[in-house]
Amino acid sequence: MPDGATATEEKKITLSESASRRINELAAAEGKVGMMMRVTVNGGGCSGFTYSFDMDNKTNDDDLIFERNGAKVVIDDMSIGFLLDAELDYVEDLMGSYFSFKNPNAASTCGCGSSFSI
């Protein structure tokens, strides 16, 4: 790691404006202090790996925190390897509204965008 760099600077994702807005809305709706969105990558799905999105107000020792406009996303050290340089977006279209990653590490994704392969 370069001098003065933090783990979050070395391992990063970005949040779109719409994702940060929606995370802030969800955190406010929870009514608890310190709510963040926890993103994990799990084995499974039609393409091999799936994204999981949950609200959480706790962090673990291996968590990395990413923030935009007060919205915080927490990702554990194992999952971040699948998400390096990805952008978390919140999409509203005819199919519905959902969180989605623009993930340069994904070789392919399923039709619904909730699973991917590397």
N, C-alpha and C. Protein backbone atom coordinates (compact mmCIF):
# COMPACT_ATOMS: atom_id res chain seq x y z
N MET A 1 0.85 -1.17 0.00
CA MET A 1 0.00 0.00 0.00
C MET A 1 0.90 1.24 0.00
N PRO A 2 0.65 2.23 -0.85
CA PRO A 2 1.45 3.44 -0.87
C PRO A 2 1.36 4.18 0.45
N ASP A 3 2.42 4.97 0.76
CA ASP A 3 2.42 5.74 2.00
C ASP A 3 1.19 6.63 2.08
N GLY A 4 0.54 6.61 3.23
CA GLY A 4 -0.61 7.47 3.46
C GLY A 4 -1.92 6.95 2.90
N ALA A 5 -1.88 5.82 2.17
CA ALA A 5 -3.11 5.27 1.59
C ALA A 5 -3.83 4.42 2.63
N THR A 6 -5.13 4.42 2.58
CA THR A 6 -5.90 3.56 3.46
C THR A 6 -6.38 2.36 2.66
N ALA A 7 -6.85 1.35 3.38
CA ALA A 7 -7.37 0.16 2.69
C ALA A 7 -8.49 0.54 1.75
N THR A 8 -9.32 1.50 2.15
CA THR A 8 -10.44 1.91 1.32
C THR A 8 -9.96 2.60 0.05
N GLU A 9 -8.82 3.31 0.10
CA GLU A 9 -8.30 3.94 -1.11
C GLU A 9 -7.73 2.90 -2.06
N GLU A 10 -7.18 1.83 -1.52
CA GLU A 10 -6.61 0.77 -2.36
C GLU A 10 -7.70 -0.11 -2.96
N LYS A 11 -8.69 -0.43 -2.16
CA LYS A 11 -9.80 -1.28 -2.57
C LYS A 11 -11.03 -0.41 -2.59
N LYS A 12 -11.54 -0.13 -3.79
CA LYS A 12 -12.63 0.84 -3.83
C LYS A 12 -13.76 0.44 -4.75
N ILE A 13 -14.93 0.95 -4.39
CA ILE A 13 -16.09 0.96 -5.27
C ILE A 13 -16.62 2.38 -5.24
N THR A 14 -17.49 2.70 -6.16
CA THR A 14 -18.12 4.02 -6.14
C THR A 14 -19.63 3.84 -6.03
N LEU A 15 -20.28 4.87 -5.55
CA LEU A 15 -21.73 4.90 -5.44
C LEU A 15 -22.27 5.95 -6.38
N SER A 16 -23.28 5.61 -7.14
CA SER A 16 -23.91 6.61 -8.00
C SER A 16 -24.74 7.55 -7.13
N GLU A 17 -25.11 8.66 -7.69
CA GLU A 17 -25.97 9.62 -6.98
C GLU A 17 -27.29 8.96 -6.59
N SER A 18 -27.89 8.20 -7.51
CA SER A 18 -29.18 7.56 -7.21
C SER A 18 -29.03 6.49 -6.13
N ALA A 19 -27.92 5.76 -6.12
CA ALA A 19 -27.69 4.75 -5.07
C ALA A 19 -27.54 5.41 -3.72
N SER A 20 -26.77 6.48 -3.65
CA SER A 20 -26.58 7.14 -2.35
C SER A 20 -27.90 7.74 -1.85
N ARG A 21 -28.69 8.30 -2.74
CA ARG A 21 -29.99 8.85 -2.35
C ARG A 21 -30.90 7.75 -1.79
N ARG A 22 -30.97 6.60 -2.48
CA ARG A 22 -31.85 5.51 -2.04
C ARG A 22 -31.36 4.89 -0.74
N ILE A 23 -30.06 4.75 -0.57
CA ILE A 23 -29.52 4.21 0.68
C ILE A 23 -29.87 5.13 1.84
N ASN A 24 -29.76 6.43 1.64
CA ASN A 24 -30.14 7.39 2.68
C ASN A 24 -31.63 7.27 3.01
N GLU A 25 -32.48 7.07 2.01
CA GLU A 25 -33.91 6.89 2.24
C GLU A 25 -34.18 5.62 3.05
N LEU A 26 -33.52 4.53 2.68
CA LEU A 26 -33.70 3.27 3.41
C LEU A 26 -33.20 3.37 4.84
N ALA A 27 -32.06 4.03 5.02
CA ALA A 27 -31.49 4.20 6.37
C ALA A 27 -32.44 5.02 7.24
N ALA A 28 -33.02 6.08 6.68
CA ALA A 28 -33.96 6.91 7.43
C ALA A 28 -35.22 6.12 7.79
N ALA A 29 -35.67 5.28 6.88
CA ALA A 29 -36.88 4.48 7.12
C ALA A 29 -36.67 3.45 8.22
N GLU A 30 -35.44 2.99 8.39
CA GLU A 30 -35.14 2.02 9.44
C GLU A 30 -35.32 2.63 10.83
N GLY A 31 -35.08 3.93 10.94
CA GLY A 31 -35.26 4.62 12.21
C GLY A 31 -34.21 4.33 13.26
N LYS A 32 -33.08 3.74 12.85
CA LYS A 32 -32.00 3.45 13.79
C LYS A 32 -30.77 4.27 13.42
N VAL A 33 -30.01 4.64 14.39
CA VAL A 33 -28.79 5.43 14.17
C VAL A 33 -27.73 4.56 13.50
N GLY A 34 -27.03 5.13 12.53
CA GLY A 34 -25.87 4.47 11.93
C GLY A 34 -26.18 3.39 10.92
N MET A 35 -27.36 3.41 10.31
CA MET A 35 -27.70 2.37 9.33
C MET A 35 -26.89 2.54 8.05
N MET A 36 -26.39 1.42 7.55
CA MET A 36 -25.59 1.37 6.32
C MET A 36 -26.10 0.22 5.47
N MET A 37 -25.77 0.23 4.20
CA MET A 37 -26.09 -0.90 3.35
C MET A 37 -24.90 -1.86 3.36
N ARG A 38 -25.17 -3.11 3.69
CA ARG A 38 -24.13 -4.15 3.64
C ARG A 38 -24.28 -4.91 2.33
N VAL A 39 -23.20 -4.98 1.58
CA VAL A 39 -23.17 -5.72 0.32
C VAL A 39 -22.24 -6.92 0.50
N THR A 40 -22.73 -8.09 0.14
CA THR A 40 -21.90 -9.29 0.16
C THR A 40 -22.02 -10.01 -1.17
N VAL A 41 -20.99 -10.77 -1.49
CA VAL A 41 -21.00 -11.62 -2.67
C VAL A 41 -21.01 -13.06 -2.17
N ASN A 42 -21.97 -13.84 -2.65
CA ASN A 42 -22.11 -15.24 -2.23
C ASN A 42 -22.07 -16.15 -3.45
N GLY A 43 -21.68 -17.38 -3.23
CA GLY A 43 -21.73 -18.37 -4.29
C GLY A 43 -23.18 -18.73 -4.57
N GLY A 44 -23.52 -18.94 -5.84
CA GLY A 44 -24.88 -19.34 -6.20
C GLY A 44 -25.42 -18.54 -7.35
N GLY A 45 -26.70 -18.64 -7.57
CA GLY A 45 -27.32 -17.93 -8.68
C GLY A 45 -27.08 -18.65 -9.99
N CYS A 46 -27.68 -18.17 -11.03
CA CYS A 46 -27.57 -18.86 -12.31
C CYS A 46 -26.22 -18.63 -12.99
N SER A 47 -25.43 -17.65 -12.52
CA SER A 47 -24.14 -17.38 -13.15
C SER A 47 -22.94 -17.71 -12.25
N GLY A 48 -23.17 -18.14 -11.03
CA GLY A 48 -22.06 -18.55 -10.16
C GLY A 48 -21.93 -17.76 -8.87
N PHE A 49 -22.18 -16.44 -8.91
CA PHE A 49 -22.10 -15.59 -7.73
C PHE A 49 -23.32 -14.67 -7.69
N THR A 50 -23.75 -14.31 -6.48
CA THR A 50 -24.87 -13.39 -6.35
C THR A 50 -24.50 -12.23 -5.43
N TYR A 51 -25.13 -11.10 -5.67
CA TYR A 51 -25.01 -9.94 -4.79
C TYR A 51 -26.10 -10.02 -3.74
N SER A 52 -25.77 -9.63 -2.52
CA SER A 52 -26.76 -9.56 -1.46
C SER A 52 -26.72 -8.15 -0.86
N PHE A 53 -27.88 -7.54 -0.66
CA PHE A 53 -27.99 -6.18 -0.13
C PHE A 53 -28.86 -6.22 1.13
N ASP A 54 -28.31 -5.75 2.25
CA ASP A 54 -29.05 -5.71 3.51
C ASP A 54 -28.69 -4.42 4.23
N MET A 55 -29.59 -3.97 5.08
CA MET A 55 -29.30 -2.81 5.92
C MET A 55 -28.72 -3.33 7.23
N ASP A 56 -27.71 -2.61 7.76
CA ASP A 56 -27.00 -3.04 8.96
C ASP A 56 -26.50 -1.81 9.70
N ASN A 57 -26.37 -1.90 11.00
CA ASN A 57 -25.79 -0.78 11.75
C ASN A 57 -24.55 -1.20 12.53
N LYS A 58 -23.98 -2.35 12.14
CA LYS A 58 -22.76 -2.84 12.78
C LYS A 58 -21.69 -3.07 11.72
N THR A 59 -20.45 -2.93 12.15
CA THR A 59 -19.33 -3.26 11.27
C THR A 59 -18.47 -4.33 11.94
N ASN A 60 -17.75 -5.06 11.12
CA ASN A 60 -16.82 -6.08 11.59
C ASN A 60 -15.40 -5.62 11.32
N ASP A 61 -14.44 -6.29 11.90
CA ASP A 61 -13.04 -5.90 11.75
C ASP A 61 -12.56 -5.92 10.30
N ASP A 62 -13.12 -6.80 9.47
CA ASP A 62 -12.66 -6.91 8.08
C ASP A 62 -13.50 -6.10 7.10
N ASP A 63 -14.37 -5.22 7.59
CA ASP A 63 -15.24 -4.43 6.73
C ASP A 63 -14.54 -3.19 6.17
N LEU A 64 -14.88 -2.85 4.95
CA LEU A 64 -14.48 -1.59 4.34
C LEU A 64 -15.75 -0.76 4.17
N ILE A 65 -15.64 0.54 4.41
CA ILE A 65 -16.80 1.43 4.33
C ILE A 65 -16.57 2.43 3.21
N PHE A 66 -17.58 2.56 2.35
CA PHE A 66 -17.55 3.50 1.24
C PHE A 66 -18.71 4.46 1.43
N GLU A 67 -18.51 5.74 1.10
CA GLU A 67 -19.52 6.74 1.42
C GLU A 67 -19.66 7.76 0.29
N ARG A 68 -20.90 8.19 0.11
CA ARG A 68 -21.20 9.32 -0.78
C ARG A 68 -22.43 10.03 -0.24
N ASN A 69 -22.32 11.32 -0.07
CA ASN A 69 -23.44 12.15 0.40
C ASN A 69 -24.08 11.60 1.68
N GLY A 70 -23.26 11.07 2.57
CA GLY A 70 -23.75 10.55 3.83
C GLY A 70 -24.22 9.11 3.79
N ALA A 71 -24.41 8.55 2.61
CA ALA A 71 -24.82 7.15 2.47
C ALA A 71 -23.59 6.26 2.59
N LYS A 72 -23.69 5.23 3.42
CA LYS A 72 -22.55 4.34 3.64
C LYS A 72 -22.87 2.93 3.16
N VAL A 73 -21.86 2.33 2.50
CA VAL A 73 -21.93 0.95 2.06
C VAL A 73 -20.79 0.21 2.74
N VAL A 74 -21.11 -0.93 3.34
CA VAL A 74 -20.13 -1.76 4.04
C VAL A 74 -19.93 -3.04 3.24
N ILE A 75 -18.67 -3.38 2.99
CA ILE A 75 -18.35 -4.60 2.25
C ILE A 75 -17.23 -5.32 2.98
N ASP A 76 -17.39 -6.62 3.20
CA ASP A 76 -16.35 -7.38 3.89
C ASP A 76 -15.17 -7.62 2.94
N ASP A 77 -14.04 -7.95 3.54
CA ASP A 77 -12.79 -8.09 2.78
C ASP A 77 -12.85 -9.21 1.74
N MET A 78 -13.62 -10.27 1.99
CA MET A 78 -13.73 -11.36 1.01
C MET A 78 -14.54 -10.91 -0.21
N SER A 79 -15.61 -10.17 0.01
CA SER A 79 -16.48 -9.75 -1.10
C SER A 79 -15.85 -8.66 -1.95
N ILE A 80 -15.02 -7.81 -1.36
CA ILE A 80 -14.48 -6.67 -2.11
C ILE A 80 -13.65 -7.13 -3.31
N GLY A 81 -13.03 -8.29 -3.22
CA GLY A 81 -12.24 -8.79 -4.34
C GLY A 81 -13.05 -8.97 -5.61
N PHE A 82 -14.33 -9.23 -5.47
CA PHE A 82 -15.22 -9.39 -6.62
C PHE A 82 -15.77 -8.06 -7.13
N LEU A 83 -15.58 -7.00 -6.35
CA LEU A 83 -16.23 -5.72 -6.63
C LEU A 83 -15.28 -4.56 -6.89
N LEU A 84 -13.98 -4.84 -6.99
CA LEU A 84 -13.01 -3.76 -7.18
C LEU A 84 -13.36 -2.92 -8.39
N ASP A 85 -13.37 -1.62 -8.18
CA ASP A 85 -13.64 -0.62 -9.23
C ASP A 85 -15.06 -0.69 -9.81
N ALA A 86 -15.96 -1.36 -9.11
CA ALA A 86 -17.35 -1.42 -9.55
C ALA A 86 -18.10 -0.18 -9.08
N GLU A 87 -19.24 0.09 -9.72
CA GLU A 87 -20.11 1.18 -9.30
C GLU A 87 -21.46 0.60 -8.89
N LEU A 88 -21.89 0.96 -7.69
CA LEU A 88 -23.21 0.58 -7.22
C LEU A 88 -24.20 1.64 -7.68
N ASP A 89 -25.25 1.20 -8.35
CA ASP A 89 -26.26 2.11 -8.87
C ASP A 89 -27.63 1.68 -8.37
N TYR A 90 -28.57 2.61 -8.37
CA TYR A 90 -29.96 2.29 -8.08
C TYR A 90 -30.75 2.62 -9.33
N VAL A 91 -31.42 1.61 -9.89
CA VAL A 91 -32.09 1.73 -11.17
C VAL A 91 -33.60 1.71 -10.97
N GLU A 92 -34.28 2.61 -11.66
CA GLU A 92 -35.74 2.61 -11.70
C GLU A 92 -36.14 2.59 -13.16
N ASP A 93 -36.75 1.47 -13.59
CA ASP A 93 -37.17 1.35 -14.98
C ASP A 93 -38.45 0.53 -15.06
N LEU A 94 -38.84 0.13 -16.25
CA LEU A 94 -40.08 -0.62 -16.43
C LEU A 94 -40.07 -1.98 -15.73
N MET A 95 -38.88 -2.52 -15.49
CA MET A 95 -38.75 -3.82 -14.81
C MET A 95 -38.90 -3.68 -13.30
N GLY A 96 -38.84 -2.45 -12.79
CA GLY A 96 -38.94 -2.21 -11.35
C GLY A 96 -37.81 -1.33 -10.88
N SER A 97 -37.56 -1.34 -9.59
CA SER A 97 -36.46 -0.57 -9.03
C SER A 97 -35.59 -1.52 -8.22
N TYR A 98 -34.26 -1.34 -8.35
CA TYR A 98 -33.34 -2.29 -7.75
C TYR A 98 -31.92 -1.71 -7.74
N PHE A 99 -31.10 -2.26 -6.83
CA PHE A 99 -29.68 -1.93 -6.82
C PHE A 99 -28.99 -2.81 -7.83
N SER A 100 -28.00 -2.25 -8.51
CA SER A 100 -27.29 -2.97 -9.56
C SER A 100 -25.83 -2.54 -9.55
N PHE A 101 -24.95 -3.47 -9.85
CA PHE A 101 -23.52 -3.15 -9.99
C PHE A 101 -23.12 -3.06 -11.44
N LYS A 102 -22.35 -2.04 -11.76
CA LYS A 102 -21.61 -1.98 -13.02
C LYS A 102 -20.24 -2.51 -12.64
N ASN A 103 -20.04 -3.80 -12.86
CA ASN A 103 -18.88 -4.51 -12.32
C ASN A 103 -17.92 -4.91 -13.43
N PRO A 104 -16.74 -4.26 -13.51
CA PRO A 104 -15.78 -4.60 -14.55
C PRO A 104 -15.15 -5.98 -14.36
N ASN A 105 -15.33 -6.59 -13.19
CA ASN A 105 -14.77 -7.91 -12.91
C ASN A 105 -15.67 -9.04 -13.37
N ALA A 106 -16.92 -8.74 -13.70
CA ALA A 106 -17.87 -9.76 -14.11
C ALA A 106 -17.69 -10.09 -15.60
N ALA A 107 -17.40 -11.35 -15.88
CA ALA A 107 -17.26 -11.78 -17.27
C ALA A 107 -18.63 -11.88 -17.93
N SER A 108 -19.64 -12.26 -17.16
CA SER A 108 -21.01 -12.31 -17.68
C SER A 108 -21.97 -12.14 -16.51
N THR A 109 -23.20 -11.74 -16.83
CA THR A 109 -24.25 -11.59 -15.83
C THR A 109 -25.49 -12.30 -16.33
N CYS A 110 -26.38 -12.63 -15.41
CA CYS A 110 -27.64 -13.24 -15.82
C CYS A 110 -28.57 -12.14 -16.32
N GLY A 111 -29.68 -12.53 -16.88
CA GLY A 111 -30.62 -11.57 -17.44
C GLY A 111 -31.17 -10.58 -16.44
N CYS A 112 -31.34 -11.01 -15.18
CA CYS A 112 -31.90 -10.11 -14.18
C CYS A 112 -30.82 -9.26 -13.51
N GLY A 113 -29.55 -9.57 -13.74
CA GLY A 113 -28.47 -8.77 -13.18
C GLY A 113 -28.13 -9.05 -11.73
N SER A 114 -28.78 -10.05 -11.13
CA SER A 114 -28.50 -10.32 -9.72
C SER A 114 -27.41 -11.35 -9.51
N SER A 115 -26.96 -12.01 -10.58
CA SER A 115 -25.84 -12.93 -10.44
C SER A 115 -24.85 -12.71 -11.58
N PHE A 116 -23.61 -13.17 -11.35
CA PHE A 116 -22.55 -12.91 -12.31
C PHE A 116 -21.50 -14.01 -12.23
N SER A 117 -20.64 -14.06 -13.22
CA SER A 117 -19.50 -14.97 -13.20
C SER A 117 -18.24 -14.15 -13.44
N ILE A 118 -17.12 -14.72 -13.02
CA ILE A 118 -15.84 -14.02 -13.23
C ILE A 118 -14.94 -14.84 -14.13
